[in-house]
PDB file of N, CA and C in Angstrom:
ATOM      1  N   MET A   1      39.941   0.562 -16.706  1.00  0.00           N
ATOM      2  CA  MET A   1      39.148   1.752 -16.654  1.00  0.00           C
ATOM      3  C   MET A   1      37.749   1.386 -16.151  1.00  0.00           C
ATOM      4  N   VAL A   2      37.238   2.148 -15.205  1.00  0.00           N
ATOM      5  CA  VAL A   2      35.910   1.925 -14.642  1.00  0.00           C
ATOM      6  C   VAL A   2      34.963   2.952 -15.227  1.00  0.00           C
ATOM      7  N   VAL A   3      33.864   2.470 -15.749  1.00  0.00           N
ATOM      8  CA  VAL A   3      32.861   3.366 -16.311  1.00  0.00           C
ATOM      9  C   VAL A   3      31.636   3.321 -15.403  1.00  0.00           C
ATOM     10  N   HIS A   4      31.210   4.454 -14.935  1.00  0.00           N
ATOM     11  CA  HIS A   4      30.019   4.545 -14.099  1.00  0.00           C
ATOM     12  C   HIS A   4      28.841   4.941 -14.969  1.00  0.00           C
ATOM     13  N   HIS A   5      27.808   4.151 -14.919  1.00  0.00           N
ATOM     14  CA  HIS A   5      26.587   4.458 -15.660  1.00  0.00           C
ATOM     15  C   HIS A   5      25.597   5.119 -14.711  1.00  0.00           C
ATOM     16  N   LYS A   6      25.032   6.166 -15.152  1.00  0.00           N
ATOM     17  CA  LYS A   6      24.002   6.822 -14.352  1.00  0.00           C
ATOM     18  C   LYS A   6      22.672   6.121 -14.603  1.00  0.00           C
ATOM     19  N   LEU A   7      21.998   5.803 -13.522  1.00  0.00           N
ATOM     20  CA  LEU A   7      20.678   5.200 -13.648  1.00  0.00           C
ATOM     21  C   LEU A   7      19.663   6.300 -13.894  1.00  0.00           C
ATOM     22  N   LYS A   8      18.817   6.059 -14.841  1.00  0.00           N
ATOM     23  CA  LYS A   8      17.748   7.015 -15.121  1.00  0.00           C
ATOM     24  C   LYS A   8      16.528   6.595 -14.314  1.00  0.00           C
ATOM     25  N   VAL A   9      16.116   7.437 -13.404  1.00  0.00           N
ATOM     26  CA  VAL A   9      14.950   7.162 -12.590  1.00  0.00           C
ATOM     27  C   VAL A   9      13.735   7.752 -13.294  1.00  0.00           C
ATOM     28  N   VAL A  10      12.782   6.903 -13.575  1.00  0.00           N
ATOM     29  CA  VAL A  10      11.583   7.358 -14.255  1.00  0.00           C
ATOM     30  C   VAL A  10      10.540   7.698 -13.202  1.00  0.00           C
ATOM     31  N   MET A  11      10.140   8.933 -13.161  1.00  0.00           N
ATOM     32  CA  MET A  11       9.134   9.377 -12.211  1.00  0.00           C
ATOM     33  C   MET A  11       7.791   9.454 -12.937  1.00  0.00           C
ATOM     34  N   MET A  12       6.800   8.862 -12.330  1.00  0.00           N
ATOM     35  CA  MET A  12       5.466   8.909 -12.913  1.00  0.00           C
ATOM     36  C   MET A  12       4.731  10.134 -12.373  1.00  0.00           C
ATOM     37  N   THR A  13       3.991  10.794 -13.240  1.00  0.00           N
ATOM     38  CA  THR A  13       3.158  11.899 -12.789  1.00  0.00           C
ATOM     39  C   THR A  13       1.978  11.314 -12.016  1.00  0.00           C
ATOM     40  N   ILE A  14       1.265  12.149 -11.285  1.00  0.00           N
ATOM     41  CA  ILE A  14       0.100  11.686 -10.543  1.00  0.00           C
ATOM     42  C   ILE A  14      -0.965  11.161 -11.501  1.00  0.00           C
ATOM     43  N   ASP A  15      -1.075  11.762 -12.687  1.00  0.00           N
ATOM     44  CA  ASP A  15      -2.031  11.274 -13.687  1.00  0.00           C
ATOM     45  C   ASP A  15      -1.646   9.877 -14.169  1.00  0.00           C
ATOM     46  N   GLU A  16      -0.364   9.650 -14.409  1.00  0.00           N
ATOM     47  CA  GLU A  16       0.109   8.327 -14.837  1.00  0.00           C
ATOM     48  C   GLU A  16      -0.098   7.301 -13.723  1.00  0.00           C
ATOM     49  N   GLN A  17       0.165   7.695 -12.486  1.00  0.00           N
ATOM     50  CA  GLN A  17      -0.052   6.796 -11.351  1.00  0.00           C
ATOM     51  C   GLN A  17      -1.530   6.430 -11.223  1.00  0.00           C
ATOM     52  N   PHE A  18      -2.401   7.416 -11.429  1.00  0.00           N
ATOM     53  CA  PHE A  18      -3.832   7.155 -11.331  1.00  0.00           C
ATOM     54  C   PHE A  18      -4.277   6.194 -12.431  1.00  0.00           C
ATOM     55  N   GLU A  19      -3.755   6.370 -13.638  1.00  0.00           N
ATOM     56  CA  GLU A  19      -4.102   5.456 -14.740  1.00  0.00           C
ATOM     57  C   GLU A  19      -3.615   4.042 -14.440  1.00  0.00           C
ATOM     58  N   GLU A  20      -2.438   3.912 -13.832  1.00  0.00           N
ATOM     59  CA  GLU A  20      -1.937   2.594 -13.421  1.00  0.00           C
ATOM     60  C   GLU A  20      -2.878   1.979 -12.385  1.00  0.00           C
ATOM     61  N   LEU A  21      -3.301   2.763 -11.412  1.00  0.00           N
ATOM     62  CA  LEU A  21      -4.211   2.291 -10.377  1.00  0.00           C
ATOM     63  C   LEU A  21      -5.538   1.830 -10.977  1.00  0.00           C
ATOM     64  N   LYS A  22      -6.034   2.559 -11.960  1.00  0.00           N
ATOM     65  CA  LYS A  22      -7.308   2.217 -12.596  1.00  0.00           C
ATOM     66  C   LYS A  22      -7.253   0.897 -13.358  1.00  0.00           C
ATOM     67  N   GLN A  23      -6.074   0.434 -13.707  1.00  0.00           N
ATOM     68  CA  GLN A  23      -5.955  -0.883 -14.346  1.00  0.00           C
ATOM     69  C   GLN A  23      -6.388  -1.977 -13.383  1.00  0.00           C
ATOM     70  N   PHE A  24      -6.204  -1.765 -12.086  1.00  0.00           N
ATOM     71  CA  PHE A  24      -6.584  -2.731 -11.064  1.00  0.00           C
ATOM     72  C   PHE A  24      -7.930  -2.383 -10.422  1.00  0.00           C
ATOM     73  N   TYR A  25      -8.219  -1.093 -10.352  1.00  0.00           N
ATOM     74  CA  TYR A  25      -9.450  -0.608  -9.729  1.00  0.00           C
ATOM     75  C   TYR A  25     -10.139   0.348 -10.704  1.00  0.00           C
ATOM     76  N   PRO A  26     -10.826  -0.211 -11.718  1.00  0.00           N
ATOM     77  CA  PRO A  26     -11.379   0.618 -12.793  1.00  0.00           C
ATOM     78  C   PRO A  26     -12.430   1.639 -12.352  1.00  0.00           C
ATOM     79  N   HIS A  27     -13.033   1.454 -11.184  1.00  0.00           N
ATOM     80  CA  HIS A  27     -14.051   2.390 -10.712  1.00  0.00           C
ATOM     81  C   HIS A  27     -13.485   3.459  -9.777  1.00  0.00           C
ATOM     82  N   ALA A  28     -12.164   3.485  -9.628  1.00  0.00           N
ATOM     83  CA  ALA A  28     -11.527   4.488  -8.765  1.00  0.00           C
ATOM     84  C   ALA A  28     -11.781   5.886  -9.328  1.00  0.00           C
ATOM     85  N   LYS A  29     -11.936   6.842  -8.412  1.00  0.00           N
ATOM     86  CA  LYS A  29     -12.180   8.228  -8.797  1.00  0.00           C
ATOM     87  C   LYS A  29     -11.310   9.141  -7.956  1.00  0.00           C
ATOM     88  N   ARG A  30     -10.946  10.256  -8.531  1.00  0.00           N
ATOM     89  CA  ARG A  30     -10.198  11.270  -7.803  1.00  0.00           C
ATOM     90  C   ARG A  30     -11.181  12.268  -7.221  1.00  0.00           C
ATOM     91  N   ALA A  31     -10.899  12.730  -6.025  1.00  0.00           N
ATOM     92  CA  ALA A  31     -11.732  13.730  -5.377  1.00  0.00           C
ATOM     93  C   ALA A  31     -10.824  14.702  -4.640  1.00  0.00           C
ATOM     94  N   THR A  32     -11.158  15.965  -4.714  1.00  0.00           N
ATOM     95  CA  THR A  32     -10.395  16.984  -3.991  1.00  0.00           C
ATOM     96  C   THR A  32     -11.316  17.659  -2.995  1.00  0.00           C
ATOM     97  N   GLU A  33     -10.847  17.723  -1.777  1.00  0.00           N
ATOM     98  CA  GLU A  33     -11.606  18.389  -0.737  1.00  0.00           C
ATOM     99  C   GLU A  33     -10.627  19.172   0.136  1.00  0.00           C
ATOM    100  N   SER A  34     -10.943  20.431   0.373  1.00  0.00           N
ATOM    101  CA  SER A  34     -10.089  21.337   1.151  1.00  0.00           C
ATOM    102  C   SER A  34      -8.672  21.387   0.589  1.00  0.00           C
ATOM    103  N   GLY A  35      -8.550  21.297  -0.744  1.00  0.00           N
ATOM    104  CA  GLY A  35      -7.257  21.386  -1.403  1.00  0.00           C
ATOM    105  C   GLY A  35      -6.423  20.115  -1.357  1.00  0.00           C
ATOM    106  N   ILE A  36      -6.972  19.036  -0.811  1.00  0.00           N
ATOM    107  CA  ILE A  36      -6.246  17.765  -0.712  1.00  0.00           C
ATOM    108  C   ILE A  36      -6.884  16.766  -1.661  1.00  0.00           C
ATOM    109  N   GLU A  37      -6.057  16.079  -2.452  1.00  0.00           N
ATOM    110  CA  GLU A  37      -6.576  15.076  -3.381  1.00  0.00           C
ATOM    111  C   GLU A  37      -6.645  13.713  -2.704  1.00  0.00           C
ATOM    112  N   PHE A  38      -7.769  13.048  -2.898  1.00  0.00           N
ATOM    113  CA  PHE A  38      -8.011  11.709  -2.388  1.00  0.00           C
ATOM    114  C   PHE A  38      -8.369  10.811  -3.558  1.00  0.00           C
ATOM    115  N   ILE A  39      -8.204   9.507  -3.360  1.00  0.00           N
ATOM    116  CA  ILE A  39      -8.594   8.518  -4.362  1.00  0.00           C
ATOM    117  C   ILE A  39      -9.684   7.651  -3.740  1.00  0.00           C
ATOM    118  N   LEU A  40     -10.882   7.690  -4.323  1.00  0.00           N
ATOM    119  CA  LEU A  40     -11.993   6.869  -3.858  1.00  0.00           C
ATOM    120  C   LEU A  40     -11.957   5.536  -4.591  1.00  0.00           C
ATOM    121  N   ILE A  41     -11.999   4.448  -3.843  1.00  0.00           N
ATOM    122  CA  ILE A  41     -11.964   3.107  -4.439  1.00  0.00           C
ATOM    123  C   ILE A  41     -13.187   2.338  -3.949  1.00  0.00           C
ATOM    124  N   PRO A  42     -14.229   2.255  -4.783  1.00  0.00           N
ATOM    125  CA  PRO A  42     -15.424   1.514  -4.366  1.00  0.00           C
ATOM    126  C   PRO A  42     -15.191   0.002  -4.415  1.00  0.00           C
ATOM    127  N   GLU A  43     -15.805  -0.698  -3.474  1.00  0.00           N
ATOM    128  CA  GLU A  43     -15.786  -2.157  -3.417  1.00  0.00           C
ATOM    129  C   GLU A  43     -14.380  -2.751  -3.524  1.00  0.00           C
ATOM    130  N   LEU A  44     -13.474  -2.213  -2.742  1.00  0.00           N
ATOM    131  CA  LEU A  44     -12.107  -2.717  -2.666  1.00  0.00           C
ATOM    132  C   LEU A  44     -12.144  -4.121  -2.075  1.00  0.00           C
ATOM    133  N   ILE A  45     -11.568  -5.081  -2.756  1.00  0.00           N
ATOM    134  CA  ILE A  45     -11.543  -6.462  -2.274  1.00  0.00           C
ATOM    135  C   ILE A  45     -10.432  -6.584  -1.239  1.00  0.00           C
ATOM    136  N   LEU A  46     -10.798  -7.067  -0.059  1.00  0.00           N
ATOM    137  CA  LEU A  46      -9.854  -7.187   1.050  1.00  0.00           C
ATOM    138  C   LEU A  46      -9.225  -8.578   1.071  1.00  0.00           C
ATOM    139  N   PRO A  47      -8.075  -8.709   1.745  1.00  0.00           N
ATOM    140  CA  PRO A  47      -7.419 -10.015   1.846  1.00  0.00           C
ATOM    141  C   PRO A  47      -8.331 -11.055   2.515  1.00  0.00           C
ATOM    142  N   SER A  48      -8.069 -12.290   2.241  1.00  0.00           N
ATOM    143  CA  SER A  48      -8.833 -13.408   2.798  1.00  0.00           C
ATOM    144  C   SER A  48      -8.887 -13.314   4.318  1.00  0.00           C
ATOM    145  N   GLY A  49     -10.071 -13.576   4.875  1.00  0.00           N
ATOM    146  CA  GLY A  49     -10.259 -13.539   6.324  1.00  0.00           C
ATOM    147  C   GLY A  49     -10.822 -12.238   6.841  1.00  0.00           C
ATOM    148  N   CYS A  50     -10.762 -11.182   6.024  1.00  0.00           N
ATOM    149  CA  CYS A  50     -11.289  -9.883   6.438  1.00  0.00           C
ATOM    150  C   CYS A  50     -12.806  -9.862   6.281  1.00  0.00           C
ATOM    151  N   LEU A  51     -13.448  -9.189   7.204  1.00  0.00           N
ATOM    152  CA  LEU A  51     -14.887  -8.969   7.114  1.00  0.00           C
ATOM    153  C   LEU A  51     -15.149  -7.487   7.238  1.00  0.00           C
ATOM    154  N   PRO A  52     -15.818  -6.897   6.269  1.00  0.00           N
ATOM    155  CA  PRO A  52     -16.416  -7.508   5.089  1.00  0.00           C
ATOM    156  C   PRO A  52     -15.350  -7.920   4.072  1.00  0.00           C
ATOM    157  N   GLU A  53     -15.759  -8.626   3.045  1.00  0.00           N
ATOM    158  CA  GLU A  53     -14.810  -9.054   2.014  1.00  0.00           C
ATOM    159  C   GLU A  53     -14.511  -7.929   1.023  1.00  0.00           C
ATOM    160  N   LYS A  54     -15.498  -7.030   0.830  1.00  0.00           N
ATOM    161  CA  LYS A  54     -15.347  -5.849  -0.035  1.00  0.00           C
ATOM    162  C   LYS A  54     -15.771  -4.631   0.773  1.00  0.00           C
ATOM    163  N   ILE A  55     -15.116  -3.521   0.478  1.00  0.00           N
ATOM    164  CA  ILE A  55     -15.432  -2.305   1.225  1.00  0.00           C
ATOM    165  C   ILE A  55     -15.049  -1.086   0.390  1.00  0.00           C
ATOM    166  N   ASP A  56     -15.791  -0.013   0.548  1.00  0.00           N
ATOM    167  CA  ASP A  56     -15.394   1.244  -0.075  1.00  0.00           C
ATOM    168  C   ASP A  56     -14.222   1.808   0.722  1.00  0.00           C
ATOM    169  N   ALA A  57     -13.267   2.388   0.011  1.00  0.00           N
ATOM    170  CA  ALA A  57     -12.069   2.911   0.671  1.00  0.00           C
ATOM    171  C   ALA A  57     -11.659   4.244   0.047  1.00  0.00           C
ATOM    172  N   VAL A  58     -10.878   4.991   0.790  1.00  0.00           N
ATOM    173  CA  VAL A  58     -10.334   6.271   0.331  1.00  0.00           C
ATOM    174  C   VAL A  58      -8.844   6.281   0.644  1.00  0.00           C
ATOM    175  N   LEU A  59      -8.042   6.515  -0.379  1.00  0.00           N
ATOM    176  CA  LEU A  59      -6.602   6.649  -0.193  1.00  0.00           C
ATOM    177  C   LEU A  59      -6.258   8.124  -0.070  1.00  0.00           C
ATOM    178  N   CYS A  60      -5.547   8.459   0.986  1.00  0.00           N
ATOM    179  CA  CYS A  60      -4.963   9.793   1.129  1.00  0.00           C
ATOM    180  C   CYS A  60      -3.473   9.611   0.836  1.00  0.00           C
ATOM    181  N   PRO A  61      -3.028   9.976  -0.370  1.00  0.00           N
ATOM    182  CA  PRO A  61      -1.647   9.689  -0.770  1.00  0.00           C
ATOM    183  C   PRO A  61      -0.615  10.703  -0.295  1.00  0.00           C
ATOM    184  N   THR A  62      -1.046  11.669   0.483  1.00  0.00           N
ATOM    185  CA  THR A  62      -0.122  12.697   0.960  1.00  0.00           C
ATOM    186  C   THR A  62      -0.027  12.661   2.483  1.00  0.00           C
ATOM    187  N   MET A  63       0.969  13.334   3.002  1.00  0.00           N
ATOM    188  CA  MET A  63       1.193  13.377   4.449  1.00  0.00           C
ATOM    189  C   MET A  63      -0.059  13.848   5.170  1.00  0.00           C
ATOM    190  N   ARG A  64      -0.454  13.069   6.181  1.00  0.00           N
ATOM    191  CA  ARG A  64      -1.636  13.409   6.984  1.00  0.00           C
ATOM    192  C   ARG A  64      -1.461  12.812   8.364  1.00  0.00           C
ATOM    193  N   ASP A  65      -1.635  13.610   9.385  1.00  0.00           N
ATOM    194  CA  ASP A  65      -1.584  13.138  10.772  1.00  0.00           C
ATOM    195  C   ASP A  65      -0.279  12.402  11.098  1.00  0.00           C
ATOM    196  N   GLY A  66       0.819  12.787  10.445  1.00  0.00           N
ATOM    197  CA  GLY A  66       2.110  12.153  10.702  1.00  0.00           C
ATOM    198  C   GLY A  66       2.351  10.878   9.909  1.00  0.00           C
ATOM    199  N   TYR A  67       1.476  10.549   8.968  1.00  0.00           N
ATOM    200  CA  TYR A  67       1.611   9.349   8.138  1.00  0.00           C
ATOM    201  C   TYR A  67       1.859   9.771   6.698  1.00  0.00           C
ATOM    202  N   ASP A  68       2.762   9.056   6.008  1.00  0.00           N
ATOM    203  CA  ASP A  68       3.065   9.387   4.610  1.00  0.00           C
ATOM    204  C   ASP A  68       1.854   9.164   3.710  1.00  0.00           C
ATOM    205  N   SER A  69       1.063   8.152   4.023  1.00  0.00           N
ATOM    206  CA  SER A  69      -0.185   7.887   3.302  1.00  0.00           C
ATOM    207  C   SER A  69      -1.098   7.119   4.248  1.00  0.00           C
ATOM    208  N   ARG A  70      -2.401   7.187   3.970  1.00  0.00           N
ATOM    209  CA  ARG A  70      -3.365   6.437   4.778  1.00  0.00           C
ATOM    210  C   ARG A  70      -4.454   5.906   3.873  1.00  0.00           C
ATOM    211  N   LEU A  71      -4.907   4.713   4.187  1.00  0.00           N
ATOM    212  CA  LEU A  71      -6.049   4.135   3.497  1.00  0.00           C
ATOM    213  C   LEU A  71      -7.185   4.083   4.506  1.00  0.00           C
ATOM    214  N   PHE A  72      -8.258   4.792   4.194  1.00  0.00           N
ATOM    215  CA  PHE A  72      -9.427   4.862   5.063  1.00  0.00           C
ATOM    216  C   PHE A  72     -10.504   3.933   4.525  1.00  0.00           C
ATOM    217  N   TYR A  73     -11.269   3.349   5.427  1.00  0.00           N
ATOM    218  CA  TYR A  73     -12.308   2.387   5.062  1.00  0.00           C
ATOM    219  C   TYR A  73     -13.670   2.899   5.518  1.00  0.00           C
ATOM    220  N   ALA A  74     -14.736   2.422   4.853  1.00  0.00           N
ATOM    221  CA  ALA A  74     -16.094   2.848   5.181  1.00  0.00           C
ATOM    222  C   ALA A  74     -16.520   2.371   6.565  1.00  0.00           C
ATOM    223  N   GLU A  75     -15.893   1.331   7.074  1.00  0.00           N
ATOM    224  CA  GLU A  75     -16.180   0.814   8.409  1.00  0.00           C
ATOM    225  C   GLU A  75     -14.964   0.064   8.928  1.00  0.00           C
ATOM    226  N   GLN A  76     -14.957  -0.189  10.211  1.00  0.00           N
ATOM    227  CA  GLN A  76     -13.864  -0.931  10.822  1.00  0.00           C
ATOM    228  C   GLN A  76     -13.907  -2.379  10.338  1.00  0.00           C
ATOM    229  N   ILE A  77     -12.758  -2.909   9.983  1.00  0.00           N
ATOM    230  CA  ILE A  77     -12.641  -4.263   9.453  1.00  0.00           C
ATOM    231  C   ILE A  77     -12.389  -5.237  10.598  1.00  0.00           C
ATOM    232  N   THR A  78     -13.031  -6.396  10.533  1.00  0.00           N
ATOM    233  CA  THR A  78     -12.820  -7.436  11.535  1.00  0.00           C
ATOM    234  C   THR A  78     -12.181  -8.650  10.868  1.00  0.00           C
ATOM    235  N   GLY A  79     -11.816  -9.643  11.692  1.00  0.00           N
ATOM    236  CA  GLY A  79     -11.179 -10.847  11.171  1.00  0.00           C
ATOM    237  C   GLY A  79      -9.691 -10.679  10.939  1.00  0.00           C
ATOM    238  N   ILE A  80      -9.112  -9.623  11.486  1.00  0.00           N
ATOM    239  CA  ILE A  80      -7.688  -9.321  11.302  1.00  0.00           C
ATOM    240  C   ILE A  80      -7.034  -9.170  12.667  1.00  0.00           C
ATOM    241  N   PRO A  81      -5.699  -9.197  12.703  1.00  0.00           N
ATOM    242  CA  PRO A  81      -5.029  -8.924  13.983  1.00  0.00           C
ATOM    243  C   PRO A  81      -5.452  -7.558  14.516  1.00  0.00           C
ATOM    244  N   THR A  82      -5.404  -7.387  15.812  1.00  0.00           N
ATOM    245  CA  THR A  82      -5.815  -6.142  16.461  1.00  0.00           C
ATOM    246  C   THR A  82      -5.066  -4.947  15.879  1.00  0.00           C
ATOM    247  N   LYS A  83      -5.812  -3.900  15.594  1.00  0.00           N
ATOM    248  CA  LYS A  83      -5.245  -2.659  15.057  1.00  0.00           C
ATOM    249  C   LYS A  83      -5.694  -1.500  15.931  1.00  0.00           C
ATOM    250  N   ASN A  84      -4.926  -0.439  15.902  1.00  0.00           N
ATOM    251  CA  ASN A  84      -5.267   0.787  16.617  1.00  0.00           C
ATOM    252  C   ASN A  84      -6.065   1.678  15.661  1.00  0.00           C
ATOM    253  N   TRP A  85      -7.380   1.542  15.693  1.00  0.00           N
ATOM    254  CA  TRP A  85      -8.263   2.303  14.809  1.00  0.00           C
ATOM    255  C   TRP A  85      -8.381   3.736  15.333  1.00  0.00           C
ATOM    256  N   ASN A  86      -7.439   4.578  14.930  1.00  0.00           N
ATOM    257  CA  ASN A  86      -7.384   5.945  15.465  1.00  0.00           C
ATOM    258  C   ASN A  86      -7.627   7.019  14.419  1.00  0.00           C
ATOM    259  N   GLY A  87      -7.790   6.636  13.165  1.00  0.00           N
ATOM    260  CA  GLY A  87      -7.963   7.630  12.110  1.00  0.00           C
ATOM    261  C   GLY A  87      -9.422   7.822  11.741  1.00  0.00           C
ATOM    262  N   LYS A  88      -9.828   9.072  11.657  1.00  0.00           N
ATOM    263  CA  LYS A  88     -11.194   9.399  11.235  1.00  0.00           C
ATOM    264  C   LYS A  88     -11.117  10.494  10.188  1.00  0.00           C
ATOM    265  N   LEU A  89     -11.985  10.389   9.201  1.00  0.00           N
ATOM    266  CA  LEU A  89     -11.989  11.342   8.104  1.00  0.00           C
ATOM    267  C   LEU A  89     -13.423  11.503   7.619  1.00  0.00           C
ATOM    268  N   ARG A  90     -13.768  12.702   7.267  1.00  0.00           N
ATOM    269  CA  ARG A  90     -15.074  12.955   6.647  1.00  0.00           C
ATOM    270  C   ARG A  90     -14.788  13.579   5.298  1.00  0.00           C
ATOM    271  N   ILE A  91     -15.126  12.866   4.239  1.00  0.00           N
ATOM    272  CA  ILE A  91     -14.906  13.354   2.880  1.00  0.00           C
ATOM    273  C   ILE A  91     -16.043  12.858   1.994  1.00  0.00           C
ATOM    274  N   CYS A  92     -16.423  13.685   1.055  1.00  0.00           N
ATOM    275  CA  CYS A  92     -17.502  13.339   0.120  1.00  0.00           C
ATOM    276  C   CYS A  92     -18.768  12.931   0.869  1.00  0.00           C
ATOM    277  N   ASP A  93     -19.052  13.655   1.940  1.00  0.00           N
ATOM    278  CA  ASP A  93     -20.258  13.433   2.746  1.00  0.00           C
ATOM    279  C   ASP A  93     -20.340  12.039   3.349  1.00  0.00           C
ATOM    280  N   ARG A  94     -19.194  11.417   3.598  1.00  0.00           N
ATOM    281  CA  ARG A  94     -19.148  10.102   4.251  1.00  0.00           C
ATOM    282  C   ARG A  94     -18.080  10.108   5.324  1.00  0.00           C
ATOM    283  N   SER A  95     -18.277   9.267   6.315  1.00  0.00           N
ATOM    284  CA  SER A  95     -17.277   9.093   7.375  1.00  0.00           C
ATOM    285  C   SER A  95     -16.433   7.869   7.053  1.00  0.00           C
ATOM    286  N   TRP A  96     -15.144   7.958   7.369  1.00  0.00           N
ATOM    287  CA  TRP A  96     -14.183   6.897   7.075  1.00  0.00           C
ATOM    288  C   TRP A  96     -13.319   6.663   8.308  1.00  0.00           C
ATOM    289  N   VAL A  97     -12.776   5.449   8.433  1.00  0.00           N
ATOM    290  CA  VAL A  97     -11.893   5.114   9.552  1.00  0.00           C
ATOM    291  C   VAL A  97     -10.611   4.468   9.027  1.00  0.00           C
ATOM    292  N   SER A  98      -9.559   4.579   9.819  1.00  0.00           N
ATOM    293  CA  SER A  98      -8.280   3.983   9.471  1.00  0.00           C
ATOM    294  C   SER A  98      -7.553   3.584  10.747  1.00  0.00           C
ATOM    295  N   TYR A  99      -6.605   2.687  10.625  1.00  0.00           N
ATOM    296  CA  TYR A  99      -5.800   2.287  11.767  1.00  0.00           C
ATOM    297  C   TYR A  99      -4.390   2.852  11.633  1.00  0.00           C
ATOM    298  N   SER A 100      -3.693   2.857  12.721  1.00  0.00           N
ATOM    299  CA  SER A 100      -2.345   3.395  12.769  1.00  0.00           C
ATOM    300  C   SER A 100      -1.366   2.419  12.123  1.00  0.00           C
ATOM    301  N   TRP A 101      -0.712   2.876  11.051  1.00  0.00           N
ATOM    302  CA  TRP A 101       0.301   2.058  10.399  1.00  0.00           C
ATOM    303  C   TRP A 101       1.192   2.969   9.577  1.00  0.00           C
ATOM    304  N   LYS A 102       2.478   2.953   9.851  1.00  0.00           N
ATOM    305  CA  LYS A 102       3.429   3.805   9.130  1.00  0.00           C
ATOM    306  C   LYS A 102       3.756   3.190   7.776  1.00  0.00           C
ATOM    307  N   SER A 103       3.784   4.040   6.767  1.00  0.00           N
ATOM    308  CA  SER A 103       4.196   3.600   5.430  1.00  0.00           C
ATOM    309  C   SER A 103       5.431   4.387   5.034  1.00  0.00           C
ATOM    310  N   SER A 104       5.988   4.029   3.918  1.00  0.00           N
ATOM    311  CA  SER A 104       7.174   4.719   3.416  1.00  0.00           C
ATOM    312  C   SER A 104       6.772   5.715   2.344  1.00  0.00           C
ATOM    313  N   SER A 105       7.565   6.722   2.171  1.00  0.00           N
ATOM    314  CA  SER A 105       7.318   7.681   1.098  1.00  0.00           C
ATOM    315  C   SER A 105       7.914   7.128  -0.198  1.00  0.00           C
ATOM    316  N   GLY A 106       7.565   7.746  -1.298  1.00  0.00           N
ATOM    317  CA  GLY A 106       8.144   7.376  -2.582  1.00  0.00           C
ATOM    318  C   GLY A 106       7.411   6.268  -3.314  1.00  0.00           C
ATOM    319  N   MET A 107       6.256   5.852  -2.831  1.00  0.00           N
ATOM    320  CA  MET A 107       5.490   4.809  -3.506  1.00  0.00           C
ATOM    321  C   MET A 107       4.505   5.431  -4.484  1.00  0.00           C
ATOM    322  N   THR A 108       4.142   4.663  -5.512  1.00  0.00           N
ATOM    323  CA  THR A 108       3.085   5.089  -6.420  1.00  0.00           C
ATOM    324  C   THR A 108       1.749   4.857  -5.733  1.00  0.00           C
ATOM    325  N   LEU A 109       0.683   5.380  -6.306  1.00  0.00           N
ATOM    326  CA  LEU A 109      -0.651   5.189  -5.737  1.00  0.00           C
ATOM    327  C   LEU A 109      -0.986   3.701  -5.598  1.00  0.00           C
ATOM    328  N   LEU A 110      -0.701   2.921  -6.631  1.00  0.00           N
ATOM    329  CA  LEU A 110      -0.983   1.488  -6.591  1.00  0.00           C
ATOM    330  C   LEU A 110      -0.162   0.803  -5.508  1.00  0.00           C
ATOM    331  N   GLN A 111       1.107   1.148  -5.387  1.00  0.00           N
ATOM    332  CA  GLN A 111       1.945   0.567  -4.351  1.00  0.00           C
ATOM    333  C   GLN A 111       1.425   0.907  -2.957  1.00  0.00           C
ATOM    334  N   MET A 112       0.914   2.126  -2.781  1.00  0.00           N
ATOM    335  CA  MET A 112       0.355   2.516  -1.484  1.00  0.00           C
ATOM    336  C   MET A 112      -0.831   1.634  -1.125  1.00  0.00           C
ATOM    337  N   VAL A 113      -1.756   1.452  -2.057  1.00  0.00           N
ATOM    338  CA  VAL A 113      -2.934   0.622  -1.790  1.00  0.00           C
ATOM    339  C   VAL A 113      -2.502  -0.801  -1.463  1.00  0.00           C
ATOM    340  N   MET A 114      -1.604  -1.368  -2.260  1.00  0.00           N
ATOM    341  CA  MET A 114      -1.131  -2.736  -2.029  1.00  0.00           C
ATOM    342  C   MET A 114      -0.451  -2.863  -0.668  1.00  0.00           C
ATOM    343  N   TYR A 115       0.342  -1.871  -0.311  1.00  0.00           N
ATOM    344  CA  TYR A 115       1.029  -1.886   0.979  1.00  0.00           C
ATOM    345  C   TYR A 115       0.021  -1.905   2.121  1.00  0.00           C
ATOM    346  N   HIS A 116      -0.957  -1.018   2.065  1.00  0.00           N
ATOM    347  CA  HIS A 116      -1.951  -0.948   3.136  1.00  0.00           C
ATOM    348  C   HIS A 116      -2.785  -2.237   3.206  1.00  0.00           C
ATOM    349  N   LEU A 117      -3.130  -2.795   2.059  1.00  0.00           N
ATOM    350  CA  LEU A 117      -3.879  -4.062   2.070  1.00  0.00           C
ATOM    351  C   LEU A 117      -3.049  -5.192   2.671  1.00  0.00           C
ATOM    352  N   HIS A 118      -1.753  -5.178   2.404  1.00  0.00           N
ATOM    353  CA  HIS A 118      -0.863  -6.210   2.946  1.00  0.00           C
ATOM    354  C   HIS A 118      -0.870  -6.195   4.476  1.00  0.00           C
ATOM    355  N   THR A 119      -1.032  -5.022   5.070  1.00  0.00           N
ATOM    356  CA  THR A 119      -1.009  -4.924   6.529  1.00  0.00           C
ATOM    357  C   THR A 119      -2.251  -5.528   7.183  1.00  0.00           C
ATOM    358  N   LEU A 120      -3.258  -5.850   6.383  1.00  0.00           N
ATOM    359  CA  LEU A 120      -4.479  -6.477   6.922  1.00  0.00           C
ATOM    360  C   LEU A 120      -4.342  -7.982   7.056  1.00  0.00           C
ATOM    361  N   LYS A 121      -3.345  -8.557   6.397  1.00  0.00           N
ATOM    362  CA  LYS A 121      -3.187 -10.013   6.429  1.00  0.00           C
ATOM    363  C   LYS A 121      -2.723 -10.500   7.795  1.00  0.00           C
ATOM    364  N   CYS A 122      -3.216 -11.661   8.148  1.00  0.00           N
ATOM    365  CA  CYS A 122      -2.745 -12.298   9.388  1.00  0.00           C
ATOM    366  C   CYS A 122      -1.319 -12.796   9.173  1.00  0.00           C
ATOM    367  N   THR A 123      -0.488 -12.608  10.176  1.00  0.00           N
ATOM    368  CA  THR A 123       0.896 -13.082  10.051  1.00  0.00           C
ATOM    369  C   THR A 123       1.183 -14.179  11.030  1.00  0.00           C
TER     370      THR A 123
END
């Protein structure tokens, strides 16, 4: 006899995801502009070799410009492989930039940030 067990998928609410993110980025803040929620992450530490080493960043965790999520930075990052810096955003009275990189859907806020940071590493 074969018994099939159903896997219970635990879905985290956006509040739970934000609390998880704050464990790594305690100064992160939520901001809503034009009905879209963003996550502000001050002094985000970038992977080794990136200049600057720390930068303010904004995570857009929802679909935008054809991307499942985007991480915007206060300035263009150097010391990394060439990127197509095509994203621009103005939020919270600041300008932000991002490069073209497709991500997958279904990630938590923390996973999104980690994924985007991973794409900055030299390969």
